[in-house]
């Protein structure tokens, strides 16, 4: 395992959480850090609405994931690893994970309630017993993570592919989660460079009348809305596709997102706290018809969220609203 980070680098593996950050850079940073202790965290929080690929991987490939975590412990020199599981995963997989740990220094941690408790620095606060809110970056977890020690955080799918790379079996695939108005929902393993259209066709999820549908790419909450003429590109972030008929009640869908993000933000920073409150307020007032003045006001809110939010929550959660207003109204 001496040259494993070089193998990681050569593989080109990007983090499967949606960040697309080169995995080897995180590993190299933690391995090279001089510290009394180092930590590894497997993020199995999966809180994005209508996304269930981590559940699929844990159900079908749990030994591979745990082996990926063990490889990380040895490679970066960690004293302890944590498997950070949402409540459903914790109940379902706890005993199976314990059986796979053997004598490795791996502990299980049950994620507190809340979508934001899956953000990587909020995870650090949760394990340390602090308020569940993101930390300001930098410093990054690789420099100052758990208890101010260098910490490697990757998600479930990333550790699955770590195991494959170690065995020389990495094939540049990834797992795609497909949901919505389709008869073949599920999780599918396909090449990472497939376009959205190829993915839908390969999995028998491409509508017979594609112009009658729109698609949410990158999550059932923060995912961006795309139309049929935009599907000739790979998915760059979270590998999730939700399919909607254009007969969908758009205002009800926008309100669903507004309720979710309004309830799930941590209230730590003003852009999120006030921004999503104002988005919901405007949507309630327009009663189904959004005029140009309302669109302009919303665009200003989106700009503030993108540029001034403390964490990725606010910097991404405006995207479904913005893209829906631009393309569907």
C-alpha atoms as a PDB file:
ATOM      1  CA  UNK A   1       0.000   0.000   0.000  1.00  0.00           C
ATOM      2  CA  UNK A   2       3.115   2.199  -0.071  1.00  0.00           C
ATOM      3  CA  UNK A   3       2.251   3.918  -3.358  1.00  0.00           C
ATOM      4  CA  UNK A   4      -1.496   3.989  -2.902  1.00  0.00           C
ATOM      5  CA  UNK A   5      -1.859   7.768  -3.082  1.00  0.00           C
ATOM      6  CA  UNK A   6      -0.034   7.661  -6.400  1.00  0.00           C
ATOM      7  CA  UNK A   7      -2.559   5.032  -7.518  1.00  0.00           C
ATOM      8  CA  UNK A   8      -5.320   7.372  -6.412  1.00  0.00           C
ATOM      9  CA  UNK A   9      -3.767  10.192  -8.377  1.00  0.00           C
ATOM     10  CA  UNK A  10      -3.424   8.083 -11.499  1.00  0.00           C
ATOM     11  CA  UNK A  11      -7.030   6.887 -11.195  1.00  0.00           C
ATOM     12  CA  UNK A  12      -8.343  10.442 -11.376  1.00  0.00           C
ATOM     13  CA  UNK A  13     -11.013   9.582  -8.780  1.00  0.00           C
ATOM     14  CA  UNK A  14     -13.099  12.593  -7.763  1.00  0.00           C
ATOM     15  CA  UNK A  15     -15.099  12.733  -4.535  1.00  0.00           C
ATOM     16  CA  UNK A  16     -18.564  11.280  -5.054  1.00  0.00           C
ATOM     17  CA  UNK A  17     -20.321  13.639  -2.653  1.00  0.00           C
ATOM     18  CA  UNK A  18     -20.851  16.177  -5.433  1.00  0.00           C
ATOM     19  CA  UNK A  19     -17.819  18.355  -4.742  1.00  0.00           C
ATOM     20  CA  UNK A  20     -15.742  16.759  -7.538  1.00  0.00           C
ATOM     21  CA  UNK A  21     -12.582  17.374  -5.513  1.00  0.00           C
ATOM     22  CA  UNK A  22      -9.625  15.101  -6.403  1.00  0.00           C
ATOM     23  CA  UNK A  23      -9.553  12.414  -3.727  1.00  0.00           C
ATOM     24  CA  UNK A  24      -5.765  12.028  -3.748  1.00  0.00           C
ATOM     25  CA  UNK A  25      -5.262  15.654  -2.696  1.00  0.00           C
ATOM     26  CA  UNK A  26      -7.209  15.136   0.527  1.00  0.00           C
ATOM     27  CA  UNK A  27      -5.363  11.925   1.277  1.00  0.00           C
ATOM     28  CA  UNK A  28      -1.966  13.470   0.574  1.00  0.00           C
ATOM     29  CA  UNK A  29      -2.731  16.472   2.793  1.00  0.00           C
ATOM     30  CA  UNK A  30      -3.706  14.303   5.764  1.00  0.00           C
ATOM     31  CA  UNK A  31      -0.898  11.813   5.263  1.00  0.00           C
ATOM     32  CA  UNK A  32       1.689  14.594   5.079  1.00  0.00           C
ATOM     33  CA  UNK A  33       0.393  16.482   8.120  1.00  0.00           C
ATOM     34  CA  UNK A  34       2.519  16.372  11.257  1.00  0.00           C
ATOM     35  CA  UNK A  35       0.187  15.640  14.154  1.00  0.00           C
ATOM     36  CA  UNK A  36      -0.180  13.526  17.283  1.00  0.00           C
ATOM     37  CA  UNK A  37      -3.485  12.135  15.989  1.00  0.00           C
ATOM     38  CA  UNK A  38      -5.302  11.937  12.686  1.00  0.00           C
ATOM     39  CA  UNK A  39      -8.844  10.839  11.906  1.00  0.00           C
ATOM     40  CA  UNK A  40     -10.872   9.358   9.053  1.00  0.00           C
ATOM     41  CA  UNK A  41     -14.620   9.866   8.622  1.00  0.00           C
ATOM     42  CA  UNK A  42     -16.904   7.954   6.276  1.00  0.00           C
ATOM     43  CA  UNK A  43     -19.863  10.239   5.654  1.00  0.00           C
ATOM     44  CA  UNK A  44     -22.953   8.038   5.403  1.00  0.00           C
ATOM     45  CA  UNK A  45     -25.428  10.792   6.252  1.00  0.00           C
ATOM     46  CA  UNK A  46     -27.286  10.861   2.879  1.00  0.00           C
ATOM     47  CA  UNK A  47     -29.902  13.521   3.622  1.00  0.00           C
ATOM     48  CA  UNK A  48     -30.586  14.939   0.143  1.00  0.00           C
ATOM     49  CA  UNK A  49     -34.271  14.354  -0.740  1.00  0.00           C
ATOM     50  CA  UNK A  50     -34.969  11.545  -3.228  1.00  0.00           C
ATOM     51  CA  UNK A  51     -31.315  10.423  -3.253  1.00  0.00           C
ATOM     52  CA  UNK A  52     -30.702   6.826  -2.163  1.00  0.00           C
ATOM     53  CA  UNK A  53     -27.450   5.647  -3.780  1.00  0.00           C
ATOM     54  CA  UNK A  54     -25.569   5.362  -0.475  1.00  0.00           C
ATOM     55  CA  UNK A  55     -28.394   3.216   0.881  1.00  0.00           C
ATOM     56  CA  UNK A  56     -28.001   0.971  -2.168  1.00  0.00           C
ATOM     57  CA  UNK A  57     -24.215   0.727  -1.739  1.00  0.00           C
ATOM     58  CA  UNK A  58     -24.427  -0.044   1.980  1.00  0.00           C
ATOM     59  CA  UNK A  59     -27.068  -2.674   1.312  1.00  0.00           C
ATOM     60  CA  UNK A  60     -25.092  -4.398  -1.448  1.00  0.00           C
ATOM     61  CA  UNK A  61     -21.419  -3.551  -0.924  1.00  0.00           C
ATOM     62  CA  UNK A  62     -20.890  -2.875   2.783  1.00  0.00           C
ATOM     63  CA  UNK A  63     -17.702  -5.017   3.086  1.00  0.00           C
ATOM     64  CA  UNK A  64     -16.125  -3.057   0.211  1.00  0.00           C
ATOM     65  CA  UNK A  65     -16.930   0.267   1.899  1.00  0.00           C
ATOM     66  CA  UNK A  66     -15.499  -0.824   5.246  1.00  0.00           C
ATOM     67  CA  UNK A  67     -12.375  -2.134   3.529  1.00  0.00           C
ATOM     68  CA  UNK A  68     -11.990   1.269   1.858  1.00  0.00           C
ATOM     69  CA  UNK A  69     -12.095   2.879   5.299  1.00  0.00           C
ATOM     70  CA  UNK A  70      -9.464   0.439   6.592  1.00  0.00           C
ATOM     71  CA  UNK A  71      -7.209   1.300   3.653  1.00  0.00           C
ATOM     72  CA  UNK A  72      -7.558   4.990   4.518  1.00  0.00           C
ATOM     73  CA  UNK A  73      -6.669   4.392   8.171  1.00  0.00           C
ATOM     74  CA  UNK A  74      -3.445   2.669   7.180  1.00  0.00           C
ATOM     75  CA  UNK A  75      -2.486   5.031   4.384  1.00  0.00           C
ATOM     76  CA  UNK A  76      -2.899   8.370   6.199  1.00  0.00           C
ATOM     77  CA  UNK A  77      -1.847   7.037   9.613  1.00  0.00           C
ATOM     78  CA  UNK A  78      -5.151   7.641  11.395  1.00  0.00           C
ATOM     79  CA  UNK A  79      -5.669   6.645  15.011  1.00  0.00           C
ATOM     80  CA  UNK A  80      -9.454   6.343  14.664  1.00  0.00           C
ATOM     81  CA  UNK A  81     -12.088   6.248  11.932  1.00  0.00           C
ATOM     82  CA  UNK A  82     -15.756   7.095  12.348  1.00  0.00           C
ATOM     83  CA  UNK A  83     -18.622   5.739  10.263  1.00  0.00           C
ATOM     84  CA  UNK A  84     -21.082   8.642  10.434  1.00  0.00           C
ATOM     85  CA  UNK A  85     -24.519   7.143   9.764  1.00  0.00           C
ATOM     86  CA  UNK A  86     -27.946   8.726   9.493  1.00  0.00           C
ATOM     87  CA  UNK A  87     -30.503   7.270  11.894  1.00  0.00           C
ATOM     88  CA  UNK A  88     -31.985   4.784   9.411  1.00  0.00           C
ATOM     89  CA  UNK A  89     -28.554   3.533   8.344  1.00  0.00           C
ATOM     90  CA  UNK A  90     -27.413   3.304  11.966  1.00  0.00           C
ATOM     91  CA  UNK A  91     -30.347   1.073  12.908  1.00  0.00           C
ATOM     92  CA  UNK A  92     -30.124  -1.058   9.775  1.00  0.00           C
ATOM     93  CA  UNK A  93     -26.380  -1.548   9.396  1.00  0.00           C
ATOM     94  CA  UNK A  94     -24.938  -1.160  12.907  1.00  0.00           C
ATOM     95  CA  UNK A  95     -24.481  -4.847  13.668  1.00  0.00           C
ATOM     96  CA  UNK A  96     -23.259  -5.694  10.160  1.00  0.00           C
ATOM     97  CA  UNK A  97     -20.597  -2.975  10.401  1.00  0.00           C
ATOM     98  CA  UNK A  98     -19.519  -4.130  13.870  1.00  0.00           C
ATOM     99  CA  UNK A  99     -19.071  -7.633  12.444  1.00  0.00           C
ATOM    100  CA  UNK A 100     -16.836  -6.255   9.667  1.00  0.00           C
ATOM    101  CA  UNK A 101     -14.650  -3.992  11.814  1.00  0.00           C
ATOM    102  CA  UNK A 102     -12.542  -6.830  13.292  1.00  0.00           C
ATOM    103  CA  UNK A 103      -9.813  -5.175  15.354  1.00  0.00           C
ATOM    104  CA  UNK A 104      -9.648  -1.984  13.296  1.00  0.00           C
ATOM    105  CA  UNK A 105      -9.979   1.326  15.175  1.00  0.00           C
ATOM    106  CA  UNK A 106     -13.396   2.098  13.663  1.00  0.00           C
ATOM    107  CA  UNK A 107     -16.278   3.583  15.637  1.00  0.00           C
ATOM    108  CA  UNK A 108     -19.890   4.205  14.674  1.00  0.00           C
ATOM    109  CA  UNK A 109     -21.573   7.554  15.189  1.00  0.00           C
ATOM    110  CA  UNK A 110     -25.275   8.223  14.737  1.00  0.00           C
ATOM    111  CA  UNK A 111     -25.991  11.433  12.844  1.00  0.00           C
ATOM    112  CA  UNK A 112     -28.286  13.908  14.633  1.00  0.00           C
ATOM    113  CA  UNK A 113     -31.475  14.878  12.845  1.00  0.00           C
ATOM    114  CA  UNK A 114     -31.224  17.488  10.120  1.00  0.00           C
ATOM    115  CA  UNK A 115     -30.055  17.809   6.529  1.00  0.00           C
ATOM    116  CA  UNK A 116     -27.222  20.173   7.417  1.00  0.00           C
ATOM    117  CA  UNK A 117     -25.746  17.655   9.844  1.00  0.00           C
ATOM    118  CA  UNK A 118     -24.300  15.979   6.745  1.00  0.00           C
ATOM    119  CA  UNK A 119     -22.107  18.952   5.776  1.00  0.00           C
ATOM    120  CA  UNK A 120     -18.493  17.955   6.385  1.00  0.00           C
ATOM    121  CA  UNK A 121     -17.617  20.549   9.025  1.00  0.00           C
ATOM    122  CA  UNK A 122     -21.010  20.171  10.729  1.00  0.00           C
ATOM    123  CA  UNK A 123     -20.082  16.493  11.039  1.00  0.00           C
ATOM    124  CA  UNK A 124     -17.001  17.528  13.010  1.00  0.00           C
ATOM    125  CA  UNK A 125     -19.158  19.572  15.387  1.00  0.00           C
ATOM    126  CA  UNK A 126     -21.620  16.689  15.777  1.00  0.00           C
ATOM    127  CA  UNK A 127     -18.928  14.173  16.740  1.00  0.00           C
ATOM    128  CA  UNK A 128     -17.371  16.703  19.131  1.00  0.00           C
ATOM    129  CA  UNK A 129     -20.773  17.280  20.764  1.00  0.00           C
ATOM    130  CA  UNK A 130     -21.080  20.894  19.626  1.00  0.00           C
ATOM    131  CA  UNK A 131     -23.910  22.827  17.955  1.00  0.00           C
ATOM    132  CA  UNK A 132     -24.727  21.378  14.527  1.00  0.00           C
ATOM    133  CA  UNK A 133     -23.596  24.133  12.216  1.00  0.00           C
ATOM    134  CA  UNK A 134     -20.874  24.505   9.567  1.00  0.00           C
ATOM    135  CA  UNK A 135     -17.466  25.912  10.354  1.00  0.00           C
ATOM    136  CA  UNK A 136     -15.770  28.665   8.412  1.00  0.00           C
ATOM    137  CA  UNK A 137     -13.213  27.370   5.902  1.00  0.00           C
ATOM    138  CA  UNK A 138     -10.252  27.657   5.805  1.00  0.00           C
ATOM    139  CA  UNK A 139      -8.900  25.959   7.812  1.00  0.00           C
ATOM    140  CA  UNK A 140     -10.078  22.822   6.050  1.00  0.00           C
ATOM    141  CA  UNK A 141     -10.673  19.508   7.849  1.00  0.00           C
ATOM    142  CA  UNK A 142      -7.479  18.087   6.307  1.00  0.00           C
ATOM    143  CA  UNK A 143      -5.602  20.726   8.329  1.00  0.00           C
ATOM    144  CA  UNK A 144      -7.798  21.232  11.389  1.00  0.00           C
ATOM    145  CA  UNK A 145     -10.630  18.729  11.654  1.00  0.00           C
ATOM    146  CA  UNK A 146     -11.802  16.623  14.586  1.00  0.00           C
ATOM    147  CA  UNK A 147     -10.485  18.099  17.812  1.00  0.00           C
ATOM    148  CA  UNK A 148      -8.279  20.350  15.645  1.00  0.00           C
ATOM    149  CA  UNK A 149      -6.423  17.354  14.193  1.00  0.00           C
ATOM    150  CA  UNK A 150      -6.007  16.525  10.470  1.00  0.00           C
ATOM    151  CA  UNK A 151      -9.094  14.654   9.303  1.00  0.00           C
ATOM    152  CA  UNK A 152      -9.922  12.855   6.068  1.00  0.00           C
ATOM    153  CA  UNK A 153     -13.623  12.945   5.153  1.00  0.00           C
ATOM    154  CA  UNK A 154     -14.998  11.002   2.187  1.00  0.00           C
ATOM    155  CA  UNK A 155     -18.457   9.636   1.497  1.00  0.00           C
ATOM    156  CA  UNK A 156     -19.726   6.073   1.142  1.00  0.00           C
ATOM    157  CA  UNK A 157     -19.336   5.781  -2.618  1.00  0.00           C
ATOM    158  CA  UNK A 158     -15.829   7.216  -2.536  1.00  0.00           C
ATOM    159  CA  UNK A 159     -14.702   4.543  -0.062  1.00  0.00           C
ATOM    160  CA  UNK A 160     -16.321   1.888  -2.255  1.00  0.00           C
ATOM    161  CA  UNK A 161     -14.167   2.988  -5.187  1.00  0.00           C
ATOM    162  CA  UNK A 162     -11.085   3.200  -2.924  1.00  0.00           C
ATOM    163  CA  UNK A 163     -11.498  -0.522  -2.360  1.00  0.00           C
ATOM    164  CA  UNK A 164     -11.768  -1.090  -6.122  1.00  0.00           C
ATOM    165  CA  UNK A 165      -8.648   0.972  -6.840  1.00  0.00           C
ATOM    166  CA  UNK A 166      -6.664  -1.007  -4.252  1.00  0.00           C
ATOM    167  CA  UNK A 167      -7.685  -4.216  -6.031  1.00  0.00           C
ATOM    168  CA  UNK A 168      -6.920  -2.848  -9.499  1.00  0.00           C
ATOM    169  CA  UNK A 169     -10.627  -3.022 -10.410  1.00  0.00           C
ATOM    170  CA  UNK A 170     -11.547   0.655 -10.821  1.00  0.00           C
ATOM    171  CA  UNK A 171     -13.337   1.126 -14.150  1.00  0.00           C
ATOM    172  CA  UNK A 172     -14.237   4.849 -14.031  1.00  0.00           C
ATOM    173  CA  UNK A 173     -17.863   4.088 -13.269  1.00  0.00           C
ATOM    174  CA  UNK A 174     -20.112   5.729 -10.731  1.00  0.00           C
ATOM    175  CA  UNK A 175     -23.547   5.111  -9.225  1.00  0.00           C
ATOM    176  CA  UNK A 176     -26.512   7.087 -10.560  1.00  0.00           C
ATOM    177  CA  UNK A 177     -29.735   7.539  -8.629  1.00  0.00           C
ATOM    178  CA  UNK A 178     -32.868   7.968 -10.782  1.00  0.00           C
ATOM    179  CA  UNK A 179     -36.272   8.908  -9.350  1.00  0.00           C
ATOM    180  CA  UNK A 180     -39.435  10.798 -10.213  1.00  0.00           C
ATOM    181  CA  UNK A 181     -42.052  10.149 -12.881  1.00  0.00           C
ATOM    182  CA  UNK A 182     -40.616   7.005 -14.411  1.00  0.00           C
ATOM    183  CA  UNK A 183     -41.272   3.280 -14.187  1.00  0.00           C
ATOM    184  CA  UNK A 184     -37.661   2.177 -13.680  1.00  0.00           C
ATOM    185  CA  UNK A 185     -36.448   4.084 -10.624  1.00  0.00           C
ATOM    186  CA  UNK A 186     -33.304   2.857  -8.947  1.00  0.00           C
ATOM    187  CA  UNK A 187     -29.530   3.025  -8.620  1.00  0.00           C
ATOM    188  CA  UNK A 188     -27.423   2.129 -11.642  1.00  0.00           C
ATOM    189  CA  UNK A 189     -23.666   1.731 -12.150  1.00  0.00           C
ATOM    190  CA  UNK A 190     -22.517   3.306 -15.425  1.00  0.00           C
ATOM    191  CA  UNK A 191     -19.457   5.142 -16.824  1.00  0.00           C
ATOM    192  CA  UNK A 192     -18.773   8.505 -15.207  1.00  0.00           C
ATOM    193  CA  UNK A 193     -18.488  10.221 -18.610  1.00  0.00           C
ATOM    194  CA  UNK A 194     -21.950   9.199 -19.799  1.00  0.00           C
ATOM    195  CA  UNK A 195     -24.211  12.104 -20.662  1.00  0.00           C
ATOM    196  CA  UNK A 196     -27.507  12.505 -18.823  1.00  0.00           C
ATOM    197  CA  UNK A 197     -29.328  11.416 -21.960  1.00  0.00           C
ATOM    198  CA  UNK A 198     -27.178   8.284 -22.260  1.00  0.00           C
ATOM    199  CA  UNK A 199     -27.837   7.444 -18.608  1.00  0.00           C
ATOM    200  CA  UNK A 200     -31.590   7.788 -19.040  1.00  0.00           C
ATOM    201  CA  UNK A 201     -31.621   5.716 -22.222  1.00  0.00           C
ATOM    202  CA  UNK A 202     -29.286   3.011 -20.870  1.00  0.00           C
ATOM    203  CA  UNK A 203     -31.474   2.591 -17.763  1.00  0.00           C
ATOM    204  CA  UNK A 204     -34.747   2.680 -19.734  1.00  0.00           C
ATOM    205  CA  UNK A 205     -35.778   5.944 -18.067  1.00  0.00           C
ATOM    206  CA  UNK A 206     -35.770   8.254 -21.105  1.00  0.00           C
ATOM    207  CA  UNK A 207     -39.346   9.465 -21.705  1.00  0.00           C
ATOM    208  CA  UNK A 208     -41.038   8.601 -25.008  1.00  0.00           C
ATOM    209  CA  UNK A 209     -41.955  12.297 -25.264  1.00  0.00           C
ATOM    210  CA  UNK A 210     -38.875  13.986 -23.738  1.00  0.00           C
ATOM    211  CA  UNK A 211     -40.058  17.532 -24.533  1.00  0.00           C
ATOM    212  CA  UNK A 212     -42.946  16.980 -22.125  1.00  0.00           C
ATOM    213  CA  UNK A 213     -40.574  16.586 -19.170  1.00  0.00           C
ATOM    214  CA  UNK A 214     -37.981  18.478 -17.180  1.00  0.00           C
ATOM    215  CA  UNK A 215     -35.201  17.050 -15.056  1.00  0.00           C
ATOM    216  CA  UNK A 216     -33.631  17.920 -11.711  1.00  0.00           C
ATOM    217  CA  UNK A 217     -29.937  17.065 -11.784  1.00  0.00           C
ATOM    218  CA  UNK A 218     -27.766  16.798  -8.677  1.00  0.00           C
ATOM    219  CA  UNK A 219     -30.286  16.070  -5.927  1.00  0.00           C
ATOM    220  CA  UNK A 220     -33.977  16.249  -5.102  1.00  0.00           C
ATOM    221  CA  UNK A 221     -33.422  19.439  -3.131  1.00  0.00           C
ATOM    222  CA  UNK A 222     -30.474  21.465  -4.393  1.00  0.00           C
ATOM    223  CA  UNK A 223     -30.428  19.973  -7.890  1.00  0.00           C
ATOM    224  CA  UNK A 224     -30.552  22.232 -10.956  1.00  0.00           C
ATOM    225  CA  UNK A 225     -33.488  22.108 -13.382  1.00  0.00           C
ATOM    226  CA  UNK A 226     -32.600  21.095 -16.937  1.00  0.00           C
ATOM    227  CA  UNK A 227     -34.625  20.711 -20.118  1.00  0.00           C
ATOM    228  CA  UNK A 228     -34.340  18.039 -22.786  1.00  0.00           C
ATOM    229  CA  UNK A 229     -31.955  20.113 -24.909  1.00  0.00           C
ATOM    230  CA  UNK A 230     -29.456  20.286 -22.013  1.00  0.00           C
ATOM    231  CA  UNK A 231     -29.024  16.547 -21.419  1.00  0.00           C
ATOM    232  CA  UNK A 232     -26.033  16.052 -23.712  1.00  0.00           C
ATOM    233  CA  UNK A 233     -23.512  16.504 -20.876  1.00  0.00           C
ATOM    234  CA  UNK A 234     -22.177  14.397 -17.993  1.00  0.00           C
ATOM    235  CA  UNK A 235     -23.329  14.998 -14.438  1.00  0.00           C
ATOM    236  CA  UNK A 236     -20.691  17.104 -12.704  1.00  0.00           C
ATOM    237  CA  UNK A 237     -21.966  16.949  -9.121  1.00  0.00           C
ATOM    238  CA  UNK A 238     -24.118  14.548  -7.142  1.00  0.00           C
ATOM    239  CA  UNK A 239     -25.136  11.770  -9.549  1.00  0.00           C
ATOM    240  CA  UNK A 240     -28.873  12.102  -9.154  1.00  0.00           C
ATOM    241  CA  UNK A 241     -31.632  12.574 -11.735  1.00  0.00           C
ATOM    242  CA  UNK A 242     -35.281  13.281 -10.890  1.00  0.00           C
ATOM    243  CA  UNK A 243     -37.780  13.260 -13.766  1.00  0.00           C
ATOM    244  CA  UNK A 244     -40.841  15.549 -13.777  1.00  0.00           C
ATOM    245  CA  UNK A 245     -43.724  15.965 -16.187  1.00  0.00           C
ATOM    246  CA  UNK A 246     -44.321  19.533 -17.349  1.00  0.00           C
ATOM    247  CA  UNK A 247     -47.845  19.071 -15.998  1.00  0.00           C
ATOM    248  CA  UNK A 248     -46.293  19.211 -12.513  1.00  0.00           C
ATOM    249  CA  UNK A 249     -47.716  21.929 -10.244  1.00  0.00           C
ATOM    250  CA  UNK A 250     -44.634  24.155 -10.367  1.00  0.00           C
ATOM    251  CA  UNK A 251     -45.645  26.479  -7.554  1.00  0.00           C
ATOM    252  CA  UNK A 252     -46.266  23.508  -5.271  1.00  0.00           C
ATOM    253  CA  UNK A 253     -42.824  22.154  -6.187  1.00  0.00           C
ATOM    254  CA  UNK A 254     -41.147  25.497  -5.472  1.00  0.00           C
ATOM    255  CA  UNK A 255     -42.951  25.727  -2.141  1.00  0.00           C
ATOM    256  CA  UNK A 256     -41.828  22.203  -1.271  1.00  0.00           C
ATOM    257  CA  UNK A 257     -38.210  23.246  -1.815  1.00  0.00           C
ATOM    258  CA  UNK A 258     -38.718  26.527   0.055  1.00  0.00           C
ATOM    259  CA  UNK A 259     -40.193  24.705   3.048  1.00  0.00           C
ATOM    260  CA  UNK A 260     -37.360  22.185   3.056  1.00  0.00           C
ATOM    261  CA  UNK A 261     -34.514  24.705   2.901  1.00  0.00           C
ATOM    262  CA  UNK A 262     -36.263  27.116   5.248  1.00  0.00           C
ATOM    263  CA  UNK A 263     -36.597  24.381   7.855  1.00  0.00           C
ATOM    264  CA  UNK A 264     -33.188  22.778   7.344  1.00  0.00           C
ATOM    265  CA  UNK A 265     -30.813  25.774   7.381  1.00  0.00           C
ATOM    266  CA  UNK A 266     -28.958  26.282  10.657  1.00  0.00           C
ATOM    267  CA  UNK A 267     -29.761  30.031  11.025  1.00  0.00           C
ATOM    268  CA  UNK A 268     -26.068  30.740  11.609  1.00  0.00           C
ATOM    269  CA  UNK A 269     -25.616  33.147   8.702  1.00  0.00           C
ATOM    270  CA  UNK A 270     -27.937  35.925   7.557  1.00  0.00           C
ATOM    271  CA  UNK A 271     -28.037  35.027   3.820  1.00  0.00           C
ATOM    272  CA  UNK A 272     -29.568  31.608   4.472  1.00  0.00           C
ATOM    273  CA  UNK A 273     -31.756  32.605   7.387  1.00  0.00           C
ATOM    274  CA  UNK A 274     -33.265  35.617   5.665  1.00  0.00           C
ATOM    275  CA  UNK A 275     -32.853  34.482   2.067  1.00  0.00           C
ATOM    276  CA  UNK A 276     -34.992  31.365   2.259  1.00  0.00           C
ATOM    277  CA  UNK A 277     -37.543  33.153   4.422  1.00  0.00           C
ATOM    278  CA  UNK A 278     -37.903  35.815   1.721  1.00  0.00           C
ATOM    279  CA  UNK A 279     -38.059  33.238  -1.084  1.00  0.00           C
ATOM    280  CA  UNK A 280     -40.928  31.475   0.660  1.00  0.00           C
ATOM    281  CA  UNK A 281     -42.652  34.772   1.450  1.00  0.00           C
ATOM    282  CA  UNK A 282     -42.563  35.870  -2.195  1.00  0.00           C
ATOM    283  CA  UNK A 283     -43.823  32.510  -3.445  1.00  0.00           C
ATOM    284  CA  UNK A 284     -46.748  32.686  -1.005  1.00  0.00           C
ATOM    285  CA  UNK A 285     -47.645  36.213  -2.092  1.00  0.00           C
ATOM    286  CA  UNK A 286     -47.595  35.703  -5.872  1.00  0.00           C
ATOM    287  CA  UNK A 287     -50.365  33.066  -5.798  1.00  0.00           C
ATOM    288  CA  UNK A 288     -49.110  31.186  -8.823  1.00  0.00           C
ATOM    289  CA  UNK A 289     -48.114  34.094 -11.069  1.00  0.00           C
ATOM    290  CA  UNK A 290     -44.570  35.422 -10.827  1.00  0.00           C
ATOM    291  CA  UNK A 291     -44.157  38.854 -12.407  1.00  0.00           C
ATOM    292  CA  UNK A 292     -40.905  40.402 -13.637  1.00  0.00           C
ATOM    293  CA  UNK A 293     -40.484  42.467 -10.457  1.00  0.00           C
ATOM    294  CA  UNK A 294     -40.759  39.317  -8.352  1.00  0.00           C
ATOM    295  CA  UNK A 295     -38.235  37.568 -10.591  1.00  0.00           C
ATOM    296  CA  UNK A 296     -35.835  40.481 -10.211  1.00  0.00           C
ATOM    297  CA  UNK A 297     -36.166  40.441  -6.421  1.00  0.00           C
ATOM    298  CA  UNK A 298     -35.629  36.700  -6.317  1.00  0.00           C
ATOM    299  CA  UNK A 299     -32.580  37.005  -8.569  1.00  0.00           C
ATOM    300  CA  UNK A 300     -31.053  39.487  -6.139  1.00  0.00           C
ATOM    301  CA  UNK A 301     -31.645  37.033  -3.289  1.00  0.00           C
ATOM    302  CA  UNK A 302     -30.051  34.224  -5.315  1.00  0.00           C
ATOM    303  CA  UNK A 303     -26.978  36.404  -5.960  1.00  0.00           C
ATOM    304  CA  UNK A 304     -26.592  37.146  -2.249  1.00  0.00           C
ATOM    305  CA  UNK A 305     -26.959  33.461  -1.340  1.00  0.00           C
ATOM    306  CA  UNK A 306     -24.367  32.412  -3.903  1.00  0.00           C
ATOM    307  CA  UNK A 307     -21.783  35.048  -2.993  1.00  0.00           C
ATOM    308  CA  UNK A 308     -22.106  35.469   0.767  1.00  0.00           C
ATOM    309  CA  UNK A 309     -23.395  32.227   2.328  1.00  0.00           C
ATOM    310  CA  UNK A 310     -21.111  30.704   4.924  1.00  0.00           C
ATOM    311  CA  UNK A 311     -21.289  27.136   3.634  1.00  0.00           C
ATOM    312  CA  UNK A 312     -22.252  25.131   0.535  1.00  0.00           C
ATOM    313  CA  UNK A 313     -25.869  24.933   1.733  1.00  0.00           C
ATOM    314  CA  UNK A 314     -26.691  28.513   0.748  1.00  0.00           C
ATOM    315  CA  UNK A 315     -24.301  28.514  -2.192  1.00  0.00           C
ATOM    316  CA  UNK A 316     -26.180  25.661  -3.881  1.00  0.00           C
ATOM    317  CA  UNK A 317     -29.732  25.567  -2.490  1.00  0.00           C
ATOM    318  CA  UNK A 318     -30.873  28.555  -4.562  1.00  0.00           C
ATOM    319  CA  UNK A 319     -30.159  26.694  -7.824  1.00  0.00           C
ATOM    320  CA  UNK A 320     -33.461  24.816  -8.227  1.00  0.00           C
ATOM    321  CA  UNK A 321     -35.408  28.064  -7.773  1.00  0.00           C
ATOM    322  CA  UNK A 322     -33.197  30.049 -10.131  1.00  0.00           C
ATOM    323  CA  UNK A 323     -33.147  27.417 -12.867  1.00  0.00           C
ATOM    324  CA  UNK A 324     -36.888  26.745 -12.577  1.00  0.00           C
ATOM    325  CA  UNK A 325     -37.736  30.449 -12.895  1.00  0.00           C
ATOM    326  CA  UNK A 326     -35.463  30.833 -15.901  1.00  0.00           C
ATOM    327  CA  UNK A 327     -36.658  27.758 -17.777  1.00  0.00           C
ATOM    328  CA  UNK A 328     -40.210  26.914 -16.706  1.00  0.00           C
ATOM    329  CA  UNK A 329     -41.971  30.272 -16.170  1.00  0.00           C
END
